[in-house]
Amino acid sequence: MESAKQEQRTLPALRAHIDNLLTKGWAITSRSPLTLQSGRKIYWVMHGMLIGEASL
């Protein structure tokens, strides 16, 4: 008997957007909070939102 796996993730649209950024060369530089960086641009993911962009 095969059990059906349920999707545990929340916010699939945010996950898809982050996956897209990663395929475009962005890198995860920290996990708490989740921080993505590409060159001098930085995004933070907090409270289910991609909330910031800053330059180093």
PDB file of N, CA and C in Angstrom:
ATOM      1  N   MET A   1       0.847  -1.178   0.000  1.00  0.00           N
ATOM      2  CA  MET A   1       0.000   0.000   0.000  1.00  0.00           C
ATOM      3  C   MET A   1       0.894   1.244   0.000  1.00  0.00           C
ATOM      4  N   GLU A   2       0.664   2.108  -0.926  1.00  0.00           N
ATOM      5  CA  GLU A   2       1.468   3.318  -1.063  1.00  0.00           C
ATOM      6  C   GLU A   2       0.730   4.497  -0.445  1.00  0.00           C
ATOM      7  N   SER A   3       1.419   5.209   0.454  1.00  0.00           N
ATOM      8  CA  SER A   3       0.770   6.360   1.086  1.00  0.00           C
ATOM      9  C   SER A   3       1.017   7.603   0.244  1.00  0.00           C
ATOM     10  N   ALA A   4       0.024   8.453   0.181  1.00  0.00           N
ATOM     11  CA  ALA A   4       0.132   9.686  -0.598  1.00  0.00           C
ATOM     12  C   ALA A   4       0.909  10.715   0.226  1.00  0.00           C
ATOM     13  N   LYS A   5       1.930  11.316  -0.400  1.00  0.00           N
ATOM     14  CA  LYS A   5       2.697  12.362   0.272  1.00  0.00           C
ATOM     15  C   LYS A   5       1.991  13.687   0.094  1.00  0.00           C
ATOM     16  N   GLN A   6       1.840  14.409   1.188  1.00  0.00           N
ATOM     17  CA  GLN A   6       1.242  15.731   1.116  1.00  0.00           C
ATOM     18  C   GLN A   6       2.345  16.777   1.087  1.00  0.00           C
ATOM     19  N   GLU A   7       2.099  17.823   0.350  1.00  0.00           N
ATOM     20  CA  GLU A   7       3.049  18.935   0.288  1.00  0.00           C
ATOM     21  C   GLU A   7       3.086  19.609   1.657  1.00  0.00           C
ATOM     22  N   GLN A   8       4.270  19.710   2.246  1.00  0.00           N
ATOM     23  CA  GLN A   8       4.431  20.304   3.564  1.00  0.00           C
ATOM     24  C   GLN A   8       4.800  21.787   3.478  1.00  0.00           C
ATOM     25  N   ARG A   9       5.311  22.201   2.339  1.00  0.00           N
ATOM     26  CA  ARG A   9       5.765  23.577   2.198  1.00  0.00           C
ATOM     27  C   ARG A   9       4.588  24.544   2.139  1.00  0.00           C
ATOM     28  N   THR A  10       4.863  25.740   2.631  1.00  0.00           N
ATOM     29  CA  THR A  10       3.891  26.807   2.480  1.00  0.00           C
ATOM     30  C   THR A  10       4.475  27.813   1.495  1.00  0.00           C
ATOM     31  N   LEU A  11       3.666  28.664   0.965  1.00  0.00           N
ATOM     32  CA  LEU A  11       4.087  29.719   0.041  1.00  0.00           C
ATOM     33  C   LEU A  11       4.813  29.176  -1.194  1.00  0.00           C
ATOM     34  N   PRO A  12       4.152  28.333  -1.967  1.00  0.00           N
ATOM     35  CA  PRO A  12       4.804  27.758  -3.147  1.00  0.00           C
ATOM     36  C   PRO A  12       5.217  28.802  -4.185  1.00  0.00           C
ATOM     37  N   ALA A  13       4.519  29.925  -4.267  1.00  0.00           N
ATOM     38  CA  ALA A  13       4.898  30.965  -5.233  1.00  0.00           C
ATOM     39  C   ALA A  13       6.235  31.600  -4.842  1.00  0.00           C
ATOM     40  N   LEU A  14       6.445  31.819  -3.547  1.00  0.00           N
ATOM     41  CA  LEU A  14       7.721  32.364  -3.084  1.00  0.00           C
ATOM     42  C   LEU A  14       8.834  31.366  -3.355  1.00  0.00           C
ATOM     43  N   ARG A  15       8.581  30.093  -3.086  1.00  0.00           N
ATOM     44  CA  ARG A  15       9.573  29.049  -3.345  1.00  0.00           C
ATOM     45  C   ARG A  15       9.943  29.017  -4.827  1.00  0.00           C
ATOM     46  N   ALA A  16       8.948  29.122  -5.707  1.00  0.00           N
ATOM     47  CA  ALA A  16       9.207  29.120  -7.148  1.00  0.00           C
ATOM     48  C   ALA A  16      10.033  30.343  -7.552  1.00  0.00           C
ATOM     49  N   HIS A  17       9.738  31.492  -6.958  1.00  0.00           N
ATOM     50  CA  HIS A  17      10.492  32.707  -7.268  1.00  0.00           C
ATOM     51  C   HIS A  17      11.949  32.562  -6.821  1.00  0.00           C
ATOM     52  N   ILE A  18      12.165  32.026  -5.633  1.00  0.00           N
ATOM     53  CA  ILE A  18      13.528  31.814  -5.139  1.00  0.00           C
ATOM     54  C   ILE A  18      14.258  30.812  -6.031  1.00  0.00           C
ATOM     55  N   ASP A  19      13.599  29.741  -6.427  1.00  0.00           N
ATOM     56  CA  ASP A  19      14.213  28.774  -7.343  1.00  0.00           C
ATOM     57  C   ASP A  19      14.623  29.450  -8.646  1.00  0.00           C
ATOM     58  N   ASN A  20      13.779  30.345  -9.141  1.00  0.00           N
ATOM     59  CA  ASN A  20      14.090  31.085 -10.366  1.00  0.00           C
ATOM     60  C   ASN A  20      15.320  31.964 -10.170  1.00  0.00           C
ATOM     61  N   LEU A  21      15.409  32.658  -9.039  1.00  0.00           N
ATOM     62  CA  LEU A  21      16.590  33.479  -8.754  1.00  0.00           C
ATOM     63  C   LEU A  21      17.852  32.614  -8.711  1.00  0.00           C
ATOM     64  N   LEU A  22      17.756  31.442  -8.100  1.00  0.00           N
ATOM     65  CA  LEU A  22      18.911  30.557  -8.007  1.00  0.00           C
ATOM     66  C   LEU A  22      19.381  30.090  -9.385  1.00  0.00           C
ATOM     67  N   THR A  23      18.442  29.847 -10.285  1.00  0.00           N
ATOM     68  CA  THR A  23      18.835  29.433 -11.639  1.00  0.00           C
ATOM     69  C   THR A  23      19.467  30.587 -12.412  1.00  0.00           C
ATOM     70  N   LYS A  24      19.197  31.829 -11.985  1.00  0.00           N
ATOM     71  CA  LYS A  24      19.784  32.996 -12.640  1.00  0.00           C
ATOM     72  C   LYS A  24      21.114  33.408 -12.017  1.00  0.00           C
ATOM     73  N   GLY A  25      21.642  32.580 -11.110  1.00  0.00           N
ATOM     74  CA  GLY A  25      22.954  32.851 -10.554  1.00  0.00           C
ATOM     75  C   GLY A  25      22.982  33.409  -9.148  1.00  0.00           C
ATOM     76  N   TRP A  26      21.843  33.648  -8.547  1.00  0.00           N
ATOM     77  CA  TRP A  26      21.814  34.104  -7.160  1.00  0.00           C
ATOM     78  C   TRP A  26      22.295  32.966  -6.276  1.00  0.00           C
ATOM     79  N   ALA A  27      22.817  33.291  -5.107  1.00  0.00           N
ATOM     80  CA  ALA A  27      23.315  32.276  -4.176  1.00  0.00           C
ATOM     81  C   ALA A  27      22.706  32.495  -2.798  1.00  0.00           C
ATOM     82  N   ILE A  28      22.466  31.407  -2.097  1.00  0.00           N
ATOM     83  CA  ILE A  28      22.034  31.492  -0.708  1.00  0.00           C
ATOM     84  C   ILE A  28      23.286  31.678   0.128  1.00  0.00           C
ATOM     85  N   THR A  29      23.363  32.801   0.837  1.00  0.00           N
ATOM     86  CA  THR A  29      24.556  33.100   1.633  1.00  0.00           C
ATOM     87  C   THR A  29      24.323  32.931   3.127  1.00  0.00           C
ATOM     88  N   SER A  30      23.064  32.809   3.543  1.00  0.00           N
ATOM     89  CA  SER A  30      22.731  32.583   4.941  1.00  0.00           C
ATOM     90  C   SER A  30      21.356  31.933   5.008  1.00  0.00           C
ATOM     91  N   ARG A  31      21.138  31.161   6.040  1.00  0.00           N
ATOM     92  CA  ARG A  31      19.846  30.508   6.195  1.00  0.00           C
ATOM     93  C   ARG A  31      18.993  31.116   7.300  1.00  0.00           C
ATOM     94  N   SER A  32      19.553  31.953   8.130  1.00  0.00           N
ATOM     95  CA  SER A  32      18.780  32.529   9.220  1.00  0.00           C
ATOM     96  C   SER A  32      19.150  33.993   9.400  1.00  0.00           C
ATOM     97  N   PRO A  33      18.411  34.928   8.834  1.00  0.00           N
ATOM     98  CA  PRO A  33      17.311  34.716   7.894  1.00  0.00           C
ATOM     99  C   PRO A  33      17.852  34.294   6.532  1.00  0.00           C
ATOM    100  N   LEU A  34      16.986  33.687   5.750  1.00  0.00           N
ATOM    101  CA  LEU A  34      17.385  33.275   4.412  1.00  0.00           C
ATOM    102  C   LEU A  34      17.831  34.518   3.649  1.00  0.00           C
ATOM    103  N   THR A  35      19.064  34.479   3.168  1.00  0.00           N
ATOM    104  CA  THR A  35      19.656  35.614   2.466  1.00  0.00           C
ATOM    105  C   THR A  35      20.144  35.153   1.108  1.00  0.00           C
ATOM    106  N   LEU A  36      19.738  35.874   0.070  1.00  0.00           N
ATOM    107  CA  LEU A  36      20.155  35.587  -1.296  1.00  0.00           C
ATOM    108  C   LEU A  36      21.006  36.746  -1.777  1.00  0.00           C
ATOM    109  N   GLN A  37      22.069  36.422  -2.510  1.00  0.00           N
ATOM    110  CA  GLN A  37      22.953  37.480  -2.989  1.00  0.00           C
ATOM    111  C   GLN A  37      23.363  37.214  -4.424  1.00  0.00           C
ATOM    112  N   SER A  38      23.410  38.299  -5.185  1.00  0.00           N
ATOM    113  CA  SER A  38      23.927  38.274  -6.548  1.00  0.00           C
ATOM    114  C   SER A  38      24.735  39.546  -6.723  1.00  0.00           C
ATOM    115  N   GLY A  39      26.047  39.386  -6.801  1.00  0.00           N
ATOM    116  CA  GLY A  39      26.901  40.566  -6.884  1.00  0.00           C
ATOM    117  C   GLY A  39      26.715  41.425  -5.657  1.00  0.00           C
ATOM    118  N   ARG A  40      26.322  42.678  -5.873  1.00  0.00           N
ATOM    119  CA  ARG A  40      26.122  43.604  -4.759  1.00  0.00           C
ATOM    120  C   ARG A  40      24.680  43.653  -4.266  1.00  0.00           C
ATOM    121  N   LYS A  41      23.781  42.926  -4.907  1.00  0.00           N
ATOM    122  CA  LYS A  41      22.373  42.937  -4.506  1.00  0.00           C
ATOM    123  C   LYS A  41      22.111  41.840  -3.478  1.00  0.00           C
ATOM    124  N   ILE A  42      21.279  42.169  -2.498  1.00  0.00           N
ATOM    125  CA  ILE A  42      20.927  41.230  -1.437  1.00  0.00           C
ATOM    126  C   ILE A  42      19.418  41.239  -1.237  1.00  0.00           C
ATOM    127  N   TYR A  43      18.837  40.040  -1.095  1.00  0.00           N
ATOM    128  CA  TYR A  43      17.433  39.876  -0.717  1.00  0.00           C
ATOM    129  C   TYR A  43      17.381  39.065   0.565  1.00  0.00           C
ATOM    130  N   TRP A  44      16.465  39.434   1.462  1.00  0.00           N
ATOM    131  CA  TRP A  44      16.213  38.666   2.667  1.00  0.00           C
ATOM    132  C   TRP A  44      14.791  38.137   2.599  1.00  0.00           C
ATOM    133  N   VAL A  45      14.605  36.930   3.082  1.00  0.00           N
ATOM    134  CA  VAL A  45      13.269  36.359   3.159  1.00  0.00           C
ATOM    135  C   VAL A  45      12.902  36.287   4.633  1.00  0.00           C
ATOM    136  N   MET A  46      11.900  37.086   5.009  1.00  0.00           N
ATOM    137  CA  MET A  46      11.432  37.107   6.394  1.00  0.00           C
ATOM    138  C   MET A  46       9.914  37.143   6.404  1.00  0.00           C
ATOM    139  N   HIS A  47       9.348  36.363   7.285  1.00  0.00           N
ATOM    140  CA  HIS A  47       7.893  36.324   7.450  1.00  0.00           C
ATOM    141  C   HIS A  47       7.187  36.012   6.136  1.00  0.00           C
ATOM    142  N   GLY A  48       7.810  35.159   5.318  1.00  0.00           N
ATOM    143  CA  GLY A  48       7.189  34.743   4.068  1.00  0.00           C
ATOM    144  C   GLY A  48       7.246  35.760   2.959  1.00  0.00           C
ATOM    145  N   MET A  49       8.118  36.770   3.095  1.00  0.00           N
ATOM    146  CA  MET A  49       8.212  37.803   2.077  1.00  0.00           C
ATOM    147  C   MET A  49       9.668  38.018   1.681  1.00  0.00           C
ATOM    148  N   LEU A  50       9.871  38.329   0.426  1.00  0.00           N
ATOM    149  CA  LEU A  50      11.169  38.759  -0.077  1.00  0.00           C
ATOM    150  C   LEU A  50      11.184  40.252   0.162  1.00  0.00           C
ATOM    151  N   ILE A  51      11.851  40.694   1.236  1.00  0.00           N
ATOM    152  CA  ILE A  51      11.585  42.046   1.705  1.00  0.00           C
ATOM    153  C   ILE A  51      12.651  43.096   1.453  1.00  0.00           C
ATOM    154  N   GLY A  52      13.819  42.713   1.038  1.00  0.00           N
ATOM    155  CA  GLY A  52      14.797  43.770   0.945  1.00  0.00           C
ATOM    156  C   GLY A  52      15.730  43.650  -0.232  1.00  0.00           C
ATOM    157  N   GLU A  53      16.254  44.766  -0.615  1.00  0.00           N
ATOM    158  CA  GLU A  53      17.305  44.810  -1.602  1.00  0.00           C
ATOM    159  C   GLU A  53      18.233  45.908  -1.140  1.00  0.00           C
ATOM    160  N   ALA A  54      19.508  45.592  -1.079  1.00  0.00           N
ATOM    161  CA  ALA A  54      20.490  46.587  -0.633  1.00  0.00           C
ATOM    162  C   ALA A  54      21.788  46.374  -1.376  1.00  0.00           C
ATOM    163  N   SER A  55      22.621  47.353  -1.355  1.00  0.00           N
ATOM    164  CA  SER A  55      23.953  47.240  -1.951  1.00  0.00           C
ATOM    165  C   SER A  55      24.969  47.139  -0.844  1.00  0.00           C
ATOM    166  N   LEU A  56      25.993  46.363  -1.095  1.00  0.00           N
ATOM    167  CA  LEU A  56      27.081  46.244  -0.119  1.00  0.00           C
ATOM    168  C   LEU A  56      27.975  47.446  -0.175  1.00  0.00           C
TER     169      LEU A  56
END
